[in-house]
Amino acid sequence: MFGLGTTELIVILVILLLLFGSSRLPGLAKGMGESIRNFKKAVNDDKEELEEKKNAI
């Protein structure tokens, strides 16, 4: 996943816990997940639109 090993992911998680606290972490994760999902949807929509235009030519 993104070229990160288990150790790196654990270090990142510990830093996030220290910075934001355990109570805010689920909300941050939810927001990041929604952002990633919206980005992927936008990329996919653009690919579909390009394919439609390419096929129309």
N, C-alpha and C. Protein backbone atom coordinates (compact mmCIF):
# COMPACT_ATOMS: atom_id res chain seq x y z
N MET A 1 0.84 -1.19 0.00
CA MET A 1 0.00 0.00 0.00
C MET A 1 0.88 1.24 0.00
N PHE A 2 0.94 1.95 -1.12
CA PHE A 2 1.71 3.18 -1.28
C PHE A 2 3.19 2.99 -1.01
N GLY A 3 3.69 1.77 -1.07
CA GLY A 3 5.09 1.51 -0.85
C GLY A 3 5.52 1.65 0.60
N LEU A 4 4.58 1.63 1.52
CA LEU A 4 4.89 1.74 2.94
C LEU A 4 4.81 0.38 3.60
N GLY A 5 5.77 0.11 4.45
CA GLY A 5 5.76 -1.14 5.19
C GLY A 5 4.95 -1.01 6.46
N THR A 6 4.84 -2.10 7.17
CA THR A 6 4.07 -2.14 8.41
C THR A 6 4.65 -1.18 9.44
N THR A 7 5.96 -1.15 9.55
CA THR A 7 6.60 -0.28 10.55
C THR A 7 6.30 1.19 10.28
N GLU A 8 6.38 1.59 9.01
CA GLU A 8 6.10 2.99 8.67
C GLU A 8 4.65 3.36 8.98
N LEU A 9 3.73 2.44 8.67
CA LEU A 9 2.32 2.70 8.95
C LEU A 9 2.06 2.84 10.45
N ILE A 10 2.72 2.03 11.25
CA ILE A 10 2.55 2.12 12.71
C ILE A 10 3.10 3.45 13.22
N VAL A 11 4.26 3.87 12.72
CA VAL A 11 4.85 5.15 13.14
C VAL A 11 3.92 6.30 12.77
N ILE A 12 3.36 6.28 11.56
CA ILE A 12 2.44 7.33 11.13
C ILE A 12 1.19 7.34 12.02
N LEU A 13 0.66 6.18 12.34
CA LEU A 13 -0.51 6.09 13.20
C LEU A 13 -0.23 6.66 14.59
N VAL A 14 0.93 6.35 15.16
CA VAL A 14 1.29 6.86 16.48
C VAL A 14 1.43 8.38 16.44
N ILE A 15 2.05 8.90 15.39
CA ILE A 15 2.19 10.36 15.28
C ILE A 15 0.82 11.02 15.17
N LEU A 16 -0.08 10.43 14.37
CA LEU A 16 -1.43 10.99 14.25
C LEU A 16 -2.17 10.96 15.58
N LEU A 17 -2.01 9.87 16.33
CA LEU A 17 -2.65 9.79 17.64
C LEU A 17 -2.12 10.87 18.58
N LEU A 18 -0.82 11.12 18.52
CA LEU A 18 -0.23 12.16 19.38
C LEU A 18 -0.69 13.55 18.97
N LEU A 19 -0.80 13.79 17.68
CA LEU A 19 -1.18 15.12 17.20
C LEU A 19 -2.66 15.43 17.40
N PHE A 20 -3.51 14.47 17.09
CA PHE A 20 -4.94 14.74 17.06
C PHE A 20 -5.73 14.10 18.19
N GLY A 21 -5.16 13.16 18.86
CA GLY A 21 -5.89 12.48 19.93
C GLY A 21 -6.80 11.41 19.38
N SER A 22 -7.13 10.47 20.23
CA SER A 22 -7.92 9.32 19.77
C SER A 22 -9.37 9.68 19.48
N SER A 23 -9.87 10.75 20.06
CA SER A 23 -11.27 11.10 19.85
C SER A 23 -11.52 11.72 18.47
N ARG A 24 -10.53 12.42 17.91
CA ARG A 24 -10.71 13.07 16.61
C ARG A 24 -10.27 12.21 15.44
N LEU A 25 -9.54 11.15 15.71
CA LEU A 25 -8.99 10.32 14.65
C LEU A 25 -10.05 9.67 13.76
N PRO A 26 -11.14 9.12 14.29
CA PRO A 26 -12.15 8.52 13.40
C PRO A 26 -12.77 9.53 12.43
N GLY A 27 -12.99 10.74 12.89
CA GLY A 27 -13.54 11.78 12.01
C GLY A 27 -12.57 12.15 10.90
N LEU A 28 -11.29 12.22 11.25
CA LEU A 28 -10.27 12.52 10.24
C LEU A 28 -10.18 11.40 9.21
N ALA A 29 -10.22 10.16 9.68
CA ALA A 29 -10.15 9.02 8.77
C ALA A 29 -11.36 9.00 7.84
N LYS A 30 -12.53 9.31 8.37
CA LYS A 30 -13.74 9.35 7.55
C LYS A 30 -13.61 10.43 6.48
N GLY A 31 -13.14 11.60 6.87
CA GLY A 31 -12.96 12.69 5.91
C GLY A 31 -11.95 12.34 4.83
N MET A 32 -10.86 11.69 5.21
CA MET A 32 -9.86 11.29 4.22
C MET A 32 -10.43 10.24 3.28
N GLY A 33 -11.18 9.30 3.82
CA GLY A 33 -11.79 8.27 2.99
C GLY A 33 -12.77 8.85 1.98
N GLU A 34 -13.57 9.80 2.42
CA GLU A 34 -14.52 10.45 1.51
C GLU A 34 -13.78 11.24 0.44
N SER A 35 -12.71 11.91 0.82
CA SER A 35 -11.92 12.67 -0.15
C SER A 35 -11.31 11.77 -1.21
N ILE A 36 -10.75 10.65 -0.78
CA ILE A 36 -10.15 9.71 -1.72
C ILE A 36 -11.22 9.14 -2.65
N ARG A 37 -12.38 8.79 -2.09
CA ARG A 37 -13.47 8.24 -2.89
C ARG A 37 -13.95 9.27 -3.93
N ASN A 38 -14.09 10.53 -3.53
CA ASN A 38 -14.52 11.58 -4.46
C ASN A 38 -13.48 11.80 -5.56
N PHE A 39 -12.20 11.76 -5.19
CA PHE A 39 -11.14 11.94 -6.18
C PHE A 39 -11.16 10.82 -7.21
N LYS A 40 -11.27 9.58 -6.73
CA LYS A 40 -11.31 8.44 -7.64
C LYS A 40 -12.53 8.51 -8.56
N LYS A 41 -13.67 8.95 -8.02
CA LYS A 41 -14.88 9.07 -8.83
C LYS A 41 -14.69 10.12 -9.92
N ALA A 42 -14.07 11.25 -9.56
CA ALA A 42 -13.83 12.31 -10.54
C ALA A 42 -12.89 11.84 -11.64
N VAL A 43 -11.85 11.12 -11.27
CA VAL A 43 -10.91 10.59 -12.26
C VAL A 43 -11.63 9.62 -13.19
N ASN A 44 -12.44 8.75 -12.61
CA ASN A 44 -13.17 7.76 -13.42
C ASN A 44 -14.16 8.45 -14.35
N ASP A 45 -14.84 9.47 -13.84
CA ASP A 45 -15.80 10.20 -14.68
C ASP A 45 -15.09 10.88 -15.85
N ASP A 46 -13.91 11.45 -15.60
CA ASP A 46 -13.14 12.09 -16.66
C ASP A 46 -12.70 11.07 -17.71
N LYS A 47 -12.28 9.89 -17.25
CA LYS A 47 -11.88 8.84 -18.20
C LYS A 47 -13.05 8.44 -19.08
N GLU A 48 -14.22 8.28 -18.47
CA GLU A 48 -15.41 7.89 -19.24
C GLU A 48 -15.77 8.98 -20.26
N GLU A 49 -15.68 10.23 -19.84
CA GLU A 49 -16.00 11.33 -20.74
C GLU A 49 -15.02 11.37 -21.92
N LEU A 50 -13.74 11.15 -21.66
CA LEU A 50 -12.76 11.13 -22.73
C LEU A 50 -13.02 9.98 -23.70
N GLU A 51 -13.39 8.82 -23.17
CA GLU A 51 -13.70 7.67 -24.02
C GLU A 51 -14.91 7.96 -24.90
N GLU A 52 -15.94 8.60 -24.33
CA GLU A 52 -17.14 8.95 -25.10
C GLU A 52 -16.79 9.91 -26.24
N LYS A 53 -15.96 10.90 -25.94
CA LYS A 53 -15.57 11.87 -26.97
C LYS A 53 -14.71 11.19 -28.03
N LYS A 54 -13.84 10.28 -27.60
CA LYS A 54 -12.98 9.57 -28.54
C LYS A 54 -13.80 8.69 -29.47
N ASN A 55 -14.81 8.04 -28.92
CA ASN A 55 -15.67 7.18 -29.73
C ASN A 55 -16.57 7.97 -30.66
N ALA A 56 -16.88 9.22 -30.30
CA ALA A 56 -17.75 10.04 -31.12
C ALA A 56 -17.02 10.56 -32.37
N ILE A 57 -15.71 10.57 -32.30
CA ILE A 57 -14.93 11.10 -33.44
C ILE A 57 -14.82 10.08 -34.53
